[in-house]
C-alpha atoms as a PDB file:
ATOM      1  CA  MET A   1     -11.836  -1.846   7.477  1.00  0.00           C
ATOM      2  CA  ASN A   2     -11.664  -4.360  10.504  1.00  0.00           C
ATOM      3  CA  ALA A   3     -13.846  -7.269   9.487  1.00  0.00           C
ATOM      4  CA  ARG A   4     -12.445  -9.189   6.432  1.00  0.00           C
ATOM      5  CA  GLN A   5      -8.904  -8.500   5.364  1.00  0.00           C
ATOM      6  CA  LEU A   6      -7.226 -10.363   2.371  1.00  0.00           C
ATOM      7  CA  THR A   7      -3.762 -11.382   3.295  1.00  0.00           C
ATOM      8  CA  TRP A   8      -0.750 -12.639   1.384  1.00  0.00           C
ATOM      9  CA  LYS A   9      -1.983 -16.219   2.061  1.00  0.00           C
ATOM     10  CA  TYR A  10      -5.097 -15.823   0.017  1.00  0.00           C
ATOM     11  CA  ALA A  11      -3.060 -14.247  -2.647  1.00  0.00           C
ATOM     12  CA  LEU A  12      -0.590 -17.158  -2.488  1.00  0.00           C
ATOM     13  CA  GLY A  13      -3.549 -19.625  -2.659  1.00  0.00           C
ATOM     14  CA  VAL A  14      -5.131 -18.191  -5.691  1.00  0.00           C
ATOM     15  CA  ALA A  15      -1.795 -17.912  -7.511  1.00  0.00           C
ATOM     16  CA  ALA A  16      -0.854 -21.484  -6.663  1.00  0.00           C
ATOM     17  CA  VAL A  17      -4.146 -22.918  -7.699  1.00  0.00           C
ATOM     18  CA  VAL A  18      -4.096 -21.122 -11.050  1.00  0.00           C
ATOM     19  CA  PHE A  19      -0.431 -21.856 -11.680  1.00  0.00           C
ATOM     20  CA  VAL A  20      -1.227 -25.510 -11.476  1.00  0.00           C
ATOM     21  CA  VAL A  21      -4.496 -25.435 -13.841  1.00  0.00           C
ATOM     22  CA  ALA A  22      -2.542 -22.978 -16.365  1.00  0.00           C
ATOM     23  CA  TYR A  23       0.596 -24.888 -16.371  1.00  0.00           C
ATOM     24  CA  ALA A  24      -1.539 -28.213 -16.750  1.00  0.00           C
ATOM     25  CA  ALA A  25      -3.698 -26.739 -19.514  1.00  0.00           C
ATOM     26  CA  LEU A  26      -0.758 -25.152 -21.473  1.00  0.00           C
ATOM     27  CA  SER A  27       1.422 -28.167 -21.189  1.00  0.00           C
ATOM     28  CA  VAL A  28      -1.295 -30.301 -22.913  1.00  0.00           C
ATOM     29  CA  TRP A  29      -2.161 -27.313 -25.371  1.00  0.00           C
ATOM     30  CA  ASN A  30       1.506 -27.152 -26.315  1.00  0.00           C
ATOM     31  CA  ALA A  31       1.959 -30.974 -26.523  1.00  0.00           C
ATOM     32  CA  ARG A  32      -0.710 -31.155 -29.133  1.00  0.00           C
ATOM     33  CA  GLY A  33       1.277 -28.808 -31.175  1.00  0.00           C
ATOM     34  CA  ARG A  34      -0.638 -25.581 -30.857  1.00  0.00           C
ATOM     35  CA  SER A  35       0.756 -22.346 -30.514  1.00  0.00           C
ATOM     36  CA  MET A  36       0.974 -20.755 -27.110  1.00  0.00           C
ATOM     37  CA  PRO A  37      -1.100 -17.636 -26.339  1.00  0.00           C
ATOM     38  CA  GLN A  38       0.801 -14.789 -26.995  1.00  0.00           C
ATOM     39  CA  ASN A  39       1.513 -12.065 -24.223  1.00  0.00           C
ATOM     40  CA  SER A  40       2.196  -8.622 -24.865  1.00  0.00           C
ATOM     41  CA  TRP A  41       4.444  -5.615 -23.335  1.00  0.00           C
ATOM     42  CA  VAL A  42       1.099  -3.649 -23.231  1.00  0.00           C
ATOM     43  CA  ALA A  43      -0.075  -5.584 -20.542  1.00  0.00           C
ATOM     44  CA  VAL A  44       2.835  -4.911 -18.414  1.00  0.00           C
ATOM     45  CA  GLY A  45       2.139  -1.156 -18.898  1.00  0.00           C
ATOM     46  CA  VAL A  46      -1.578  -1.848 -18.131  1.00  0.00           C
ATOM     47  CA  VAL A  47      -0.677  -3.792 -14.954  1.00  0.00           C
ATOM     48  CA  VAL A  48       1.830  -1.007 -13.822  1.00  0.00           C
ATOM     49  CA  VAL A  49      -0.767   1.628 -14.368  1.00  0.00           C
ATOM     50  CA  MET A  50      -3.267  -0.370 -12.411  1.00  0.00           C
ATOM     51  CA  ALA A  51      -0.802  -0.442  -9.521  1.00  0.00           C
ATOM     52  CA  VAL A  52       0.064   3.210  -9.366  1.00  0.00           C
ATOM     53  CA  LEU A  53      -3.814   3.988  -9.661  1.00  0.00           C
ATOM     54  CA  VAL A  54      -4.700   1.974  -6.829  1.00  0.00           C
ATOM     55  CA  LEU A  55      -1.612   3.322  -4.722  1.00  0.00           C
ATOM     56  CA  TYR A  56      -2.701   6.983  -5.466  1.00  0.00           C
ATOM     57  CA  ALA A  57      -6.331   6.283  -4.339  1.00  0.00           C
ATOM     58  CA  GLY A  58      -5.174   4.794  -1.229  1.00  0.00           C
ATOM     59  CA  ASN A  59      -2.762   7.615  -0.415  1.00  0.00           C
ATOM     60  CA  GLU A  60      -5.684   9.769  -0.024  1.00  0.00           C
ATOM     61  CA  ILE A  61      -7.388   7.677   2.412  1.00  0.00           C
ATOM     62  CA  ARG A  62      -4.252   7.004   4.304  1.00  0.00           C
ATOM     63  CA  LEU A  63      -3.320  10.631   4.460  1.00  0.00           C
ATOM     64  CA  TYR A  64      -6.780  11.340   6.066  1.00  0.00           C
ATOM     65  CA  LEU A  65      -6.487   8.562   8.724  1.00  0.00           C
ATOM     66  CA  ARG A  66      -2.991   9.816   9.718  1.00  0.00           C
ATOM     67  CA  GLY A  67      -4.659  13.369  10.114  1.00  0.00           C
ATOM     68  CA  GLU A  68      -2.400  15.022   7.512  1.00  0.00           C
ATOM     69  CA  SER A  69      -5.408  15.897   5.260  1.00  0.00           C
ATOM     70  CA  THR A  70      -8.441  17.946   6.240  1.00  0.00           C
ATOM     71  CA  ARG A  71     -10.648  16.870   3.484  1.00  0.00           C
ATOM     72  CA  PRO A  72     -12.411  13.541   4.243  1.00  0.00           C
ATOM     73  CA  PRO A  73     -12.973  11.284   1.303  1.00  0.00           C
ATOM     74  CA  SER A  74     -16.393  10.325   0.555  1.00  0.00           C
ATOM     75  CA  PRO A  75     -17.538   6.943   2.133  1.00  0.00           C
ATOM     76  CA  GLN A  76     -18.303   5.625  -1.309  1.00  0.00           C
ATOM     77  CA  ARG A  77     -14.825   6.561  -2.394  1.00  0.00           C
ATOM     78  CA  ALA A  78     -13.264   4.982   0.584  1.00  0.00           C
ATOM     79  CA  ARG A  79     -15.212   1.772  -0.013  1.00  0.00           C
ATOM     80  CA  SER A  80     -14.262   1.811  -3.883  1.00  0.00           C
ATOM     81  CA  THR A  81     -10.630   2.152  -2.923  1.00  0.00           C
ATOM     82  CA  LEU A  82     -10.721  -0.698  -0.659  1.00  0.00           C
ATOM     83  CA  VAL A  83     -12.826  -2.845  -2.986  1.00  0.00           C
ATOM     84  CA  GLY A  84     -10.236  -1.845  -5.857  1.00  0.00           C
ATOM     85  CA  ALA A  85      -7.482  -2.793  -3.419  1.00  0.00           C
ATOM     86  CA  GLN A  86      -8.766  -6.224  -2.652  1.00  0.00           C
ATOM     87  CA  ALA A  87      -9.452  -6.833  -6.303  1.00  0.00           C
ATOM     88  CA  CYS A  88      -5.833  -5.882  -7.123  1.00  0.00           C
ATOM     89  CA  VAL A  89      -4.809  -8.709  -4.525  1.00  0.00           C
ATOM     90  CA  LEU A  90      -7.009 -11.317  -5.983  1.00  0.00           C
ATOM     91  CA  GLY A  91      -6.787 -10.508  -9.511  1.00  0.00           C
ATOM     92  CA  GLY A  92      -2.978  -9.985  -9.419  1.00  0.00           C
ATOM     93  CA  ALA A  93      -2.666 -13.284  -7.669  1.00  0.00           C
ATOM     94  CA  ALA A  94      -4.691 -15.061 -10.286  1.00  0.00           C
ATOM     95  CA  PHE A  95      -2.736 -13.252 -13.293  1.00  0.00           C
ATOM     96  CA  ALA A  96       0.591 -13.944 -11.383  1.00  0.00           C
ATOM     97  CA  GLY A  97      -0.453 -17.783 -11.564  1.00  0.00           C
ATOM     98  CA  TRP A  98      -1.422 -17.603 -15.097  1.00  0.00           C
ATOM     99  CA  TYR A  99       1.877 -15.976 -16.245  1.00  0.00           C
ATOM    100  CA  GLY A 100       3.898 -18.171 -13.880  1.00  0.00           C
ATOM    101  CA  GLY A 101       2.276 -21.136 -15.591  1.00  0.00           C
ATOM    102  CA  THR A 102       3.040 -19.622 -18.947  1.00  0.00           C
ATOM    103  CA  ALA A 103       6.777 -18.995 -18.146  1.00  0.00           C
ATOM    104  CA  ALA A 104       7.062 -22.454 -16.736  1.00  0.00           C
ATOM    105  CA  VAL A 105       5.871 -23.866 -20.221  1.00  0.00           C
ATOM    106  CA  GLU A 106       8.105 -21.510 -21.941  1.00  0.00           C
ATOM    107  CA  VAL A 107      11.023 -23.010 -20.229  1.00  0.00           C
ATOM    108  CA  GLY A 108      10.661 -26.061 -22.398  1.00  0.00           C
ATOM    109  CA  ARG A 109      10.363 -23.843 -25.630  1.00  0.00           C
ATOM    110  CA  LEU A 110      13.572 -21.777 -25.010  1.00  0.00           C
ATOM    111  CA  GLN A 111      15.253 -23.342 -28.143  1.00  0.00           C
ATOM    112  CA  THR A 112      12.577 -21.946 -30.692  1.00  0.00           C
ATOM    113  CA  THR A 113      12.966 -18.737 -32.254  1.00  0.00           C
ATOM    114  CA  THR A 114      10.217 -17.146 -30.061  1.00  0.00           C
ATOM    115  CA  GLY A 115      11.205 -19.061 -26.790  1.00  0.00           C
ATOM    116  CA  PRO A 116      13.546 -16.457 -25.213  1.00  0.00           C
ATOM    117  CA  SER A 117      11.409 -13.501 -25.821  1.00  0.00           C
ATOM    118  CA  SER A 118       8.182 -15.233 -24.718  1.00  0.00           C
ATOM    119  CA  PHE A 119       9.822 -16.661 -21.527  1.00  0.00           C
ATOM    120  CA  LEU A 120      11.215 -13.127 -20.594  1.00  0.00           C
ATOM    121  CA  LEU A 121       7.817 -11.470 -21.118  1.00  0.00           C
ATOM    122  CA  ALA A 122       5.954 -14.280 -19.085  1.00  0.00           C
ATOM    123  CA  VAL A 123       8.611 -13.842 -16.116  1.00  0.00           C
ATOM    124  CA  VAL A 124       8.260  -9.850 -16.429  1.00  0.00           C
ATOM    125  CA  LEU A 125       4.512 -10.133 -16.388  1.00  0.00           C
ATOM    126  CA  THR A 126       4.727 -12.653 -13.486  1.00  0.00           C
ATOM    127  CA  VAL A 127       6.902  -9.905 -11.502  1.00  0.00           C
ATOM    128  CA  VAL A 128       4.571  -7.092 -12.071  1.00  0.00           C
ATOM    129  CA  CYS A 129       1.450  -8.817 -11.245  1.00  0.00           C
ATOM    130  CA  VAL A 130       3.195  -9.815  -7.965  1.00  0.00           C
ATOM    131  CA  GLY A 131       3.644  -6.098  -7.729  1.00  0.00           C
ATOM    132  CA  LEU A 132       0.093  -5.505  -8.239  1.00  0.00           C
ATOM    133  CA  VAL A 133      -0.802  -7.878  -5.312  1.00  0.00           C
ATOM    134  CA  GLY A 134       1.856  -5.926  -3.239  1.00  0.00           C
ATOM    135  CA  SER A 135       0.032  -2.648  -4.018  1.00  0.00           C
ATOM    136  CA  GLY A 136      -3.509  -4.001  -3.128  1.00  0.00           C
ATOM    137  CA  LEU A 137      -2.069  -5.336   0.217  1.00  0.00           C
ATOM    138  CA  VAL A 138      -0.475  -2.117   1.056  1.00  0.00           C
ATOM    139  CA  VAL A 139      -3.731  -0.020   0.257  1.00  0.00           C
ATOM    140  CA  GLN A 140      -5.916  -2.461   2.112  1.00  0.00           C
ATOM    141  CA  TRP A 141      -3.544  -1.918   5.114  1.00  0.00           C
ATOM    142  CA  TRP A 142      -3.939   1.872   4.608  1.00  0.00           C
ATOM    143  CA  CYS A 143      -7.543   1.755   4.742  1.00  0.00           C
ATOM    144  CA  LYS A 144      -7.707   0.106   7.970  1.00  0.00           C
ATOM    145  CA  LEU A 145      -9.603   2.093  10.328  1.00  0.00           C
ATOM    146  CA  PRO A 146      -8.257   2.937  13.746  1.00  0.00           C
ATOM    147  CA  GLU A 147      -9.633   1.246  16.882  1.00  0.00           C
ATOM    148  CA  ASP A 148     -11.990   3.720  18.637  1.00  0.00           C
ATOM    149  CA  ASP A 149     -13.305   3.608  22.157  1.00  0.00           C
ATOM    150  CA  ASP A 150     -16.617   1.912  21.076  1.00  0.00           C
ATOM    151  CA  ASP A 151     -14.832  -1.029  19.484  1.00  0.00           C
ATOM    152  CA  LYS A 152     -13.129  -1.551  23.036  1.00  0.00           C
ATOM    153  CA  LYS A 153     -16.330  -1.257  24.793  1.00  0.00           C
ATOM    154  CA  ARG A 154     -17.980  -3.881  22.741  1.00  0.00           C
ATOM    155  CA  ARG A 155     -15.176  -6.525  23.230  1.00  0.00           C
ATOM    156  CA  THR A 156     -15.139  -6.120  26.918  1.00  0.00           C
ATOM    157  CA  PRO A 157     -18.012  -7.848  28.958  1.00  0.00           C
ATOM    158  CA  LYS A 158     -19.714  -5.938  31.321  1.00  0.00           C
ATOM    159  CA  GLY A 159     -22.201  -8.424  33.016  1.00  0.00           C
ATOM    160  CA  PRO A 160     -22.253 -12.026  33.892  1.00  0.00           C
ATOM    161  CA  PRO A 161     -21.455 -14.593  31.176  1.00  0.00           C
ATOM    162  CA  GLY A 162     -24.134 -15.021  28.563  1.00  0.00           C
ATOM    163  CA  GLU A 163     -25.689 -11.554  29.336  1.00  0.00           C
ATOM    164  CA  VAL A 164     -26.096  -9.630  25.906  1.00  0.00           C
ATOM    165  CA  VAL A 165     -24.722  -6.120  26.523  1.00  0.00           C
END
C-alpha cells in the first residue's frame, strides 16, 4: 500500500468532530432529564477482540513482507486486512469520540448513584477505542509494500520536461 494512507491526523480529526457532536447532543439530552445511553463492559471485550484480530491478520502480511514466511497471503486477504485496519482507524476514532463525549457528560453526573461507574466505563471504552486506532495504524504500516525498482524508474524523468515516459 503506497497510495492513500490514513494517519493519526485523520483519526484525531474524526474523533474531535464526533466528540463535539456527541458532547453537545448528550448534554442537551441529559439537560432535558432523559437518562444517558447505557454502555456495556461487553463492548470493551468486543473492541479488544477486534484489535487483536486485526493485529493477528496483519502479522501474517508483515511476516511475508519481511521474508520470514514463505507462504504468500492471497491478494484478497491482504487487501481485506488493509481495509480492516483502515476501518479500525476510522471506526475506532469515531467510537473514541463518542465515548469521550459520553465521559465528558458523565463528569457532571458523578454525584448520582450510577455516575462513577458510568464515567469509569466511558473512560475505559475511550481508551480501548484509542487502542483500536493504534492497532489499525500499526497494521496499515505493516501492509506497506516495499519500494521496488519499477517505482523508482517511474519517478525519475528520462526525457525533456513534459515528455511522457
